[in-house]
């Protein structure tokens, strides 16, 4: 008999430049388990509800230019990833919540309230703030 890992009630797939460590306490407060997914990894196939954190095009371009990458290639990579995120969301829209990393970092309480509303649960009372300096 194969022991299967139990499915979490809610997962958070981190596709953004924000580190998983920076998101860990926030995700725990909203009841989600963090899954880090690399830029070339496929999106999760689990049927559990999922918060999908992604970077905006501005954030992706800023990071690329800071590292010396060409903006046109960075934009192409972002567009490809955004297309796969959108296709993924279309198939799972009832169980997937899209959350832009800039929104989460700027207003963690508002993001938690939006997730709670989506899930039909009360927002967390004591919410730790993600540390953007770890991004």
N, C-alpha and C. Protein backbone atom coordinates (compact mmCIF):
# COMPACT_ATOMS: atom_id res chain seq x y z
N UNK A 1 0.84 -1.17 0.00
CA UNK A 1 0.00 0.00 0.00
C UNK A 1 0.90 1.24 0.00
N UNK A 2 0.54 2.21 -0.82
CA UNK A 2 1.30 3.44 -0.94
C UNK A 2 0.67 4.50 -0.05
N UNK A 3 1.48 5.11 0.79
CA UNK A 3 0.99 6.19 1.63
C UNK A 3 0.93 7.46 0.80
N UNK A 4 -0.24 8.04 0.69
CA UNK A 4 -0.39 9.29 -0.05
C UNK A 4 -0.33 10.45 0.92
N UNK A 5 0.31 11.52 0.46
CA UNK A 5 0.37 12.73 1.26
C UNK A 5 -1.03 13.34 1.29
N UNK A 6 -1.54 13.66 2.47
CA UNK A 6 -2.88 14.25 2.52
C UNK A 6 -2.92 15.60 1.82
N UNK A 7 -4.03 15.86 1.13
CA UNK A 7 -4.20 17.12 0.43
C UNK A 7 -4.52 18.22 1.43
N UNK A 8 -3.83 19.37 1.35
CA UNK A 8 -4.20 20.47 2.24
C UNK A 8 -5.56 21.03 1.85
N UNK A 9 -6.25 21.63 2.82
CA UNK A 9 -7.55 22.22 2.55
C UNK A 9 -7.43 23.42 1.61
N UNK A 10 -6.29 24.08 1.66
CA UNK A 10 -6.02 25.24 0.81
C UNK A 10 -4.52 25.32 0.60
N UNK A 11 -4.11 25.51 -0.65
CA UNK A 11 -2.69 25.65 -0.97
C UNK A 11 -2.44 27.05 -1.51
N UNK A 12 -1.20 27.49 -1.42
CA UNK A 12 -0.77 28.74 -2.02
C UNK A 12 0.39 28.41 -2.93
N UNK A 13 0.20 28.59 -4.23
CA UNK A 13 1.26 28.35 -5.21
C UNK A 13 1.94 29.68 -5.48
N UNK A 14 3.23 29.74 -5.17
CA UNK A 14 3.98 30.99 -5.31
C UNK A 14 4.72 31.00 -6.64
N UNK A 15 4.19 31.76 -7.59
CA UNK A 15 4.84 31.93 -8.89
C UNK A 15 5.55 33.27 -8.97
N UNK A 16 5.59 33.98 -7.87
CA UNK A 16 6.13 35.34 -7.86
C UNK A 16 7.59 35.35 -7.44
N UNK A 17 8.17 36.53 -7.46
CA UNK A 17 9.53 36.72 -6.99
C UNK A 17 9.63 36.84 -5.49
N UNK A 18 8.50 36.85 -4.80
CA UNK A 18 8.48 36.91 -3.34
C UNK A 18 8.89 35.54 -2.81
N UNK A 19 9.80 35.52 -1.86
CA UNK A 19 10.27 34.23 -1.35
C UNK A 19 9.17 33.49 -0.60
N UNK A 20 9.25 32.17 -0.62
CA UNK A 20 8.28 31.35 0.11
C UNK A 20 8.34 31.66 1.60
N UNK A 21 9.55 31.93 2.11
CA UNK A 21 9.68 32.27 3.53
C UNK A 21 8.92 33.54 3.88
N UNK A 22 8.93 34.52 2.96
CA UNK A 22 8.22 35.77 3.21
C UNK A 22 6.71 35.56 3.23
N UNK A 23 6.23 34.56 2.51
CA UNK A 23 4.79 34.30 2.43
C UNK A 23 4.29 33.31 3.48
N UNK A 24 5.20 32.60 4.11
CA UNK A 24 4.82 31.48 4.98
C UNK A 24 3.87 31.89 6.11
N UNK A 25 4.20 32.94 6.86
CA UNK A 25 3.34 33.30 8.00
C UNK A 25 2.00 33.86 7.53
N UNK A 26 1.99 34.63 6.43
CA UNK A 26 0.74 35.15 5.90
C UNK A 26 -0.15 34.00 5.43
N UNK A 27 0.44 33.07 4.70
CA UNK A 27 -0.35 31.96 4.18
C UNK A 27 -0.88 31.09 5.31
N UNK A 28 -0.08 30.91 6.35
CA UNK A 28 -0.54 30.12 7.49
C UNK A 28 -1.74 30.80 8.15
N UNK A 29 -1.70 32.13 8.24
CA UNK A 29 -2.80 32.87 8.86
C UNK A 29 -4.10 32.73 8.06
N UNK A 30 -4.00 32.60 6.74
CA UNK A 30 -5.22 32.43 5.92
C UNK A 30 -5.56 30.95 5.74
N UNK A 31 -4.74 30.07 6.33
CA UNK A 31 -5.03 28.64 6.29
C UNK A 31 -4.52 27.91 5.08
N UNK A 32 -3.47 28.46 4.45
CA UNK A 32 -2.93 27.85 3.23
C UNK A 32 -1.53 27.30 3.46
N UNK A 33 -1.21 26.24 2.75
CA UNK A 33 0.12 25.65 2.76
C UNK A 33 0.86 26.11 1.51
N UNK A 34 2.08 26.66 1.66
CA UNK A 34 2.83 27.23 0.54
C UNK A 34 3.47 26.13 -0.31
N UNK A 35 3.29 26.25 -1.62
CA UNK A 35 3.98 25.42 -2.59
C UNK A 35 4.80 26.37 -3.47
N UNK A 36 6.11 26.17 -3.54
CA UNK A 36 6.92 27.01 -4.41
C UNK A 36 7.03 26.33 -5.76
N UNK A 37 6.78 27.09 -6.79
CA UNK A 37 6.81 26.55 -8.16
C UNK A 37 7.80 27.39 -8.96
N UNK A 38 8.73 26.72 -9.59
CA UNK A 38 9.73 27.41 -10.40
C UNK A 38 9.15 27.92 -11.70
N UNK A 39 9.89 28.79 -12.38
CA UNK A 39 9.37 29.40 -13.61
C UNK A 39 9.09 28.39 -14.72
N UNK A 40 9.78 27.25 -14.72
CA UNK A 40 9.56 26.26 -15.77
C UNK A 40 8.74 25.07 -15.30
N UNK A 41 8.29 25.10 -14.04
CA UNK A 41 7.49 24.00 -13.50
C UNK A 41 6.05 24.12 -13.98
N UNK A 42 5.37 22.98 -13.98
CA UNK A 42 3.96 23.00 -14.33
C UNK A 42 3.16 23.42 -13.10
N UNK A 43 1.98 23.91 -13.35
CA UNK A 43 1.12 24.34 -12.25
C UNK A 43 0.56 23.11 -11.55
N UNK A 44 0.17 23.24 -10.29
CA UNK A 44 -0.26 22.07 -9.50
C UNK A 44 -1.47 21.37 -10.13
N UNK A 45 -1.50 20.06 -9.99
CA UNK A 45 -2.63 19.30 -10.53
C UNK A 45 -3.61 18.89 -9.44
N UNK A 46 -3.34 19.29 -8.22
CA UNK A 46 -4.22 18.96 -7.11
C UNK A 46 -5.61 19.56 -7.30
N UNK A 47 -6.60 18.92 -6.74
CA UNK A 47 -7.97 19.43 -6.84
C UNK A 47 -8.34 20.26 -5.61
N UNK A 48 -7.38 20.52 -4.76
CA UNK A 48 -7.63 21.35 -3.58
C UNK A 48 -7.73 22.81 -3.99
N UNK A 49 -8.48 23.61 -3.25
CA UNK A 49 -8.52 25.05 -3.52
C UNK A 49 -7.11 25.64 -3.47
N UNK A 50 -6.89 26.65 -4.28
CA UNK A 50 -5.54 27.16 -4.48
C UNK A 50 -5.53 28.68 -4.60
N UNK A 51 -4.61 29.31 -3.88
CA UNK A 51 -4.31 30.73 -4.07
C UNK A 51 -3.06 30.75 -4.95
N UNK A 52 -3.13 31.43 -6.07
CA UNK A 52 -2.00 31.48 -6.99
C UNK A 52 -1.43 32.90 -6.98
N UNK A 53 -0.24 33.07 -6.42
CA UNK A 53 0.40 34.38 -6.32
C UNK A 53 1.34 34.54 -7.51
N UNK A 54 1.19 35.64 -8.24
CA UNK A 54 2.00 35.89 -9.44
C UNK A 54 2.48 37.34 -9.43
N UNK A 55 3.51 37.62 -10.23
CA UNK A 55 4.03 38.98 -10.36
C UNK A 55 3.32 39.72 -11.49
N UNK A 56 3.12 41.02 -11.28
CA UNK A 56 2.58 41.86 -12.34
C UNK A 56 3.64 42.03 -13.42
N UNK A 57 3.24 42.50 -14.57
CA UNK A 57 4.19 42.72 -15.65
C UNK A 57 5.22 43.78 -15.24
N UNK A 58 4.79 44.80 -14.50
CA UNK A 58 5.71 45.84 -14.06
C UNK A 58 6.77 45.27 -13.13
N UNK A 59 6.36 44.42 -12.20
CA UNK A 59 7.30 43.80 -11.27
C UNK A 59 8.28 42.91 -12.01
N UNK A 60 7.78 42.12 -12.95
CA UNK A 60 8.65 41.22 -13.72
C UNK A 60 9.65 42.01 -14.56
N UNK A 61 9.20 43.09 -15.19
CA UNK A 61 10.12 43.90 -16.01
C UNK A 61 11.15 44.63 -15.15
N UNK A 62 10.72 45.15 -14.01
CA UNK A 62 11.65 45.83 -13.11
C UNK A 62 12.74 44.88 -12.63
N UNK A 63 12.35 43.68 -12.24
CA UNK A 63 13.33 42.68 -11.77
C UNK A 63 14.27 42.28 -12.90
N UNK A 64 13.73 42.11 -14.10
CA UNK A 64 14.56 41.71 -15.24
C UNK A 64 15.57 42.80 -15.60
N UNK A 65 15.12 44.05 -15.62
CA UNK A 65 16.04 45.14 -15.96
C UNK A 65 17.08 45.33 -14.87
N UNK A 66 16.71 45.12 -13.62
CA UNK A 66 17.68 45.24 -12.53
C UNK A 66 18.76 44.17 -12.63
N UNK A 67 18.40 43.03 -13.21
CA UNK A 67 19.39 41.96 -13.37
C UNK A 67 20.13 42.04 -14.70
N UNK A 68 19.81 43.03 -15.53
CA UNK A 68 20.51 43.22 -16.79
C UNK A 68 19.88 42.50 -17.97
N UNK A 69 18.71 41.90 -17.79
CA UNK A 69 18.04 41.20 -18.89
C UNK A 69 17.38 42.20 -19.84
N UNK A 70 17.18 41.77 -21.05
CA UNK A 70 16.51 42.60 -22.04
C UNK A 70 15.01 42.68 -21.72
N UNK A 71 14.45 43.88 -21.71
CA UNK A 71 13.01 44.00 -21.41
C UNK A 71 12.12 43.22 -22.37
N UNK A 72 12.50 43.16 -23.65
CA UNK A 72 11.65 42.45 -24.61
C UNK A 72 11.60 40.95 -24.32
N UNK A 73 12.71 40.35 -23.92
CA UNK A 73 12.69 38.92 -23.60
C UNK A 73 11.96 38.67 -22.28
N UNK A 74 12.13 39.59 -21.33
CA UNK A 74 11.42 39.46 -20.06
C UNK A 74 9.92 39.59 -20.27
N UNK A 75 9.52 40.50 -21.13
CA UNK A 75 8.10 40.67 -21.43
C UNK A 75 7.53 39.41 -22.08
N UNK A 76 8.27 38.84 -23.01
CA UNK A 76 7.83 37.61 -23.68
C UNK A 76 7.67 36.48 -22.66
N UNK A 77 8.63 36.33 -21.76
CA UNK A 77 8.54 35.29 -20.72
C UNK A 77 7.32 35.52 -19.85
N UNK A 78 7.07 36.79 -19.45
CA UNK A 78 5.93 37.09 -18.61
C UNK A 78 4.63 36.79 -19.35
N UNK A 79 4.54 37.16 -20.62
CA UNK A 79 3.33 36.90 -21.41
C UNK A 79 3.06 35.40 -21.52
N UNK A 80 4.11 34.62 -21.75
CA UNK A 80 3.95 33.16 -21.83
C UNK A 80 3.43 32.60 -20.51
N UNK A 81 4.02 33.03 -19.41
CA UNK A 81 3.61 32.55 -18.09
C UNK A 81 2.19 33.01 -17.77
N UNK A 82 1.87 34.27 -18.10
CA UNK A 82 0.52 34.79 -17.85
C UNK A 82 -0.51 34.00 -18.66
N UNK A 83 -0.16 33.63 -19.88
CA UNK A 83 -1.07 32.81 -20.70
C UNK A 83 -1.34 31.46 -20.06
N UNK A 84 -0.29 30.83 -19.51
CA UNK A 84 -0.49 29.53 -18.87
C UNK A 84 -1.28 29.68 -17.57
N UNK A 85 -1.06 30.77 -16.83
CA UNK A 85 -1.82 31.02 -15.60
C UNK A 85 -3.30 31.21 -15.95
N UNK A 86 -3.58 31.98 -16.97
CA UNK A 86 -4.97 32.24 -17.37
C UNK A 86 -5.65 30.95 -17.82
N UNK A 87 -4.97 30.14 -18.61
CA UNK A 87 -5.55 28.87 -19.06
C UNK A 87 -5.82 27.96 -17.86
N UNK A 88 -4.89 27.92 -16.92
CA UNK A 88 -5.05 27.13 -15.71
C UNK A 88 -6.26 27.62 -14.91
N UNK A 89 -6.36 28.93 -14.75
CA UNK A 89 -7.48 29.51 -13.99
C UNK A 89 -8.82 29.22 -14.66
N UNK A 90 -8.87 29.29 -15.97
CA UNK A 90 -10.13 29.02 -16.68
C UNK A 90 -10.64 27.61 -16.39
N UNK A 91 -9.74 26.66 -16.26
CA UNK A 91 -10.14 25.28 -15.98
C UNK A 91 -10.53 25.08 -14.53
N UNK A 92 -10.02 25.91 -13.63
CA UNK A 92 -10.22 25.71 -12.19
C UNK A 92 -10.75 26.96 -11.49
N UNK A 93 -11.46 27.79 -12.20
CA UNK A 93 -11.83 29.11 -11.64
C UNK A 93 -12.64 29.04 -10.35
N UNK A 94 -13.36 27.98 -10.12
CA UNK A 94 -14.13 27.88 -8.88
C UNK A 94 -13.26 27.56 -7.68
N UNK A 95 -12.07 26.99 -7.92
CA UNK A 95 -11.21 26.60 -6.81
C UNK A 95 -9.83 27.27 -6.86
N UNK A 96 -9.68 28.30 -7.71
CA UNK A 96 -8.40 29.01 -7.80
C UNK A 96 -8.62 30.51 -7.63
N UNK A 97 -7.83 31.09 -6.74
CA UNK A 97 -7.89 32.52 -6.47
C UNK A 97 -6.59 33.14 -6.95
N UNK A 98 -6.65 34.06 -7.92
CA UNK A 98 -5.47 34.74 -8.43
C UNK A 98 -5.16 35.95 -7.55
N UNK A 99 -3.89 36.07 -7.14
CA UNK A 99 -3.48 37.16 -6.26
C UNK A 99 -2.14 37.72 -6.74
N UNK A 100 -2.16 38.97 -7.14
CA UNK A 100 -0.93 39.63 -7.60
C UNK A 100 -0.04 39.93 -6.40
N UNK A 101 1.25 39.65 -6.54
CA UNK A 101 2.18 39.83 -5.42
C UNK A 101 2.23 41.27 -4.93
N UNK A 102 2.15 42.25 -5.84
CA UNK A 102 2.17 43.66 -5.43
C UNK A 102 0.98 43.98 -4.52
N UNK A 103 -0.17 43.44 -4.85
CA UNK A 103 -1.38 43.65 -4.05
C UNK A 103 -1.22 43.03 -2.67
N UNK A 104 -0.69 41.82 -2.63
CA UNK A 104 -0.47 41.14 -1.36
C UNK A 104 0.49 41.91 -0.47
N UNK A 105 1.60 42.39 -1.04
CA UNK A 105 2.60 43.11 -0.24
C UNK A 105 2.11 44.48 0.18
N UNK A 106 1.32 45.14 -0.67
CA UNK A 106 0.83 46.49 -0.34
C UNK A 106 -0.29 46.46 0.69
N UNK A 107 -1.12 45.42 0.65
CA UNK A 107 -2.26 45.35 1.56
C UNK A 107 -2.54 43.90 1.96
N UNK A 108 -1.69 43.35 2.84
CA UNK A 108 -1.87 41.94 3.22
C UNK A 108 -3.22 41.67 3.88
N UNK A 109 -3.72 42.62 4.67
CA UNK A 109 -5.02 42.43 5.33
C UNK A 109 -6.14 42.42 4.29
N UNK A 110 -6.05 43.31 3.32
CA UNK A 110 -7.06 43.35 2.25
C UNK A 110 -7.02 42.08 1.42
N UNK A 111 -5.82 41.58 1.14
CA UNK A 111 -5.69 40.33 0.38
C UNK A 111 -6.27 39.16 1.18
N UNK A 112 -6.00 39.14 2.50
CA UNK A 112 -6.54 38.08 3.35
C UNK A 112 -8.06 38.16 3.41
N UNK A 113 -8.60 39.38 3.47
CA UNK A 113 -10.05 39.55 3.49
C UNK A 113 -10.67 39.08 2.17
N UNK A 114 -10.01 39.35 1.05
CA UNK A 114 -10.51 38.90 -0.25
C UNK A 114 -10.50 37.37 -0.34
N UNK A 115 -9.44 36.75 0.16
CA UNK A 115 -9.36 35.28 0.18
C UNK A 115 -10.46 34.72 1.08
N UNK A 116 -10.65 35.32 2.24
CA UNK A 116 -11.69 34.86 3.17
C UNK A 116 -13.07 34.98 2.54
N UNK A 117 -13.33 36.08 1.85
CA UNK A 117 -14.60 36.28 1.18
C UNK A 117 -14.80 35.21 0.10
N UNK A 118 -13.78 34.93 -0.66
CA UNK A 118 -13.83 33.90 -1.70
C UNK A 118 -14.14 32.54 -1.10
N UNK A 119 -13.56 32.25 0.05
CA UNK A 119 -13.77 30.96 0.71
C UNK A 119 -15.05 30.93 1.55
N UNK A 120 -15.62 32.10 1.84
CA UNK A 120 -16.81 32.15 2.67
C UNK A 120 -16.50 31.95 4.14
N UNK A 121 -15.32 32.42 4.55
CA UNK A 121 -14.90 32.30 5.95
C UNK A 121 -14.59 33.69 6.50
N UNK A 122 -14.54 33.83 7.81
CA UNK A 122 -14.16 35.14 8.36
C UNK A 122 -12.67 35.40 8.12
N UNK A 123 -12.28 36.65 7.93
CA UNK A 123 -10.85 36.96 7.74
C UNK A 123 -10.09 36.70 9.03
N UNK A 124 -8.80 36.39 8.91
CA UNK A 124 -8.00 36.15 10.12
C UNK A 124 -7.92 37.41 10.97
N UNK A 125 -7.97 37.22 12.29
CA UNK A 125 -7.93 38.36 13.21
C UNK A 125 -6.51 38.89 13.38
N UNK A 126 -5.54 38.00 13.50
CA UNK A 126 -4.16 38.40 13.72
C UNK A 126 -3.36 38.01 12.49
N UNK A 127 -3.05 38.99 11.66
CA UNK A 127 -2.42 38.71 10.39
C UNK A 127 -1.00 39.23 10.35
N UNK A 128 0.00 38.35 10.22
CA UNK A 128 1.37 38.82 10.05
C UNK A 128 1.55 39.43 8.66
N UNK A 129 2.42 40.40 8.57
CA UNK A 129 2.68 41.09 7.30
C UNK A 129 3.86 40.42 6.61
N UNK A 130 3.70 40.04 5.31
CA UNK A 130 4.83 39.47 4.58
C UNK A 130 5.98 40.46 4.53
N UNK A 131 7.21 39.99 4.69
CA UNK A 131 8.37 40.84 4.68
C UNK A 131 8.86 41.01 3.24
N UNK A 132 8.56 42.16 2.66
CA UNK A 132 8.90 42.43 1.25
C UNK A 132 10.41 42.48 1.05
N UNK A 133 11.18 42.71 2.09
CA UNK A 133 12.63 42.78 1.94
C UNK A 133 13.21 41.40 1.64
N UNK A 134 12.44 40.34 1.94
CA UNK A 134 12.90 38.99 1.63
C UNK A 134 12.63 38.63 0.18
N UNK A 135 11.90 39.50 -0.55
CA UNK A 135 11.55 39.20 -1.93
C UNK A 135 12.76 39.22 -2.82
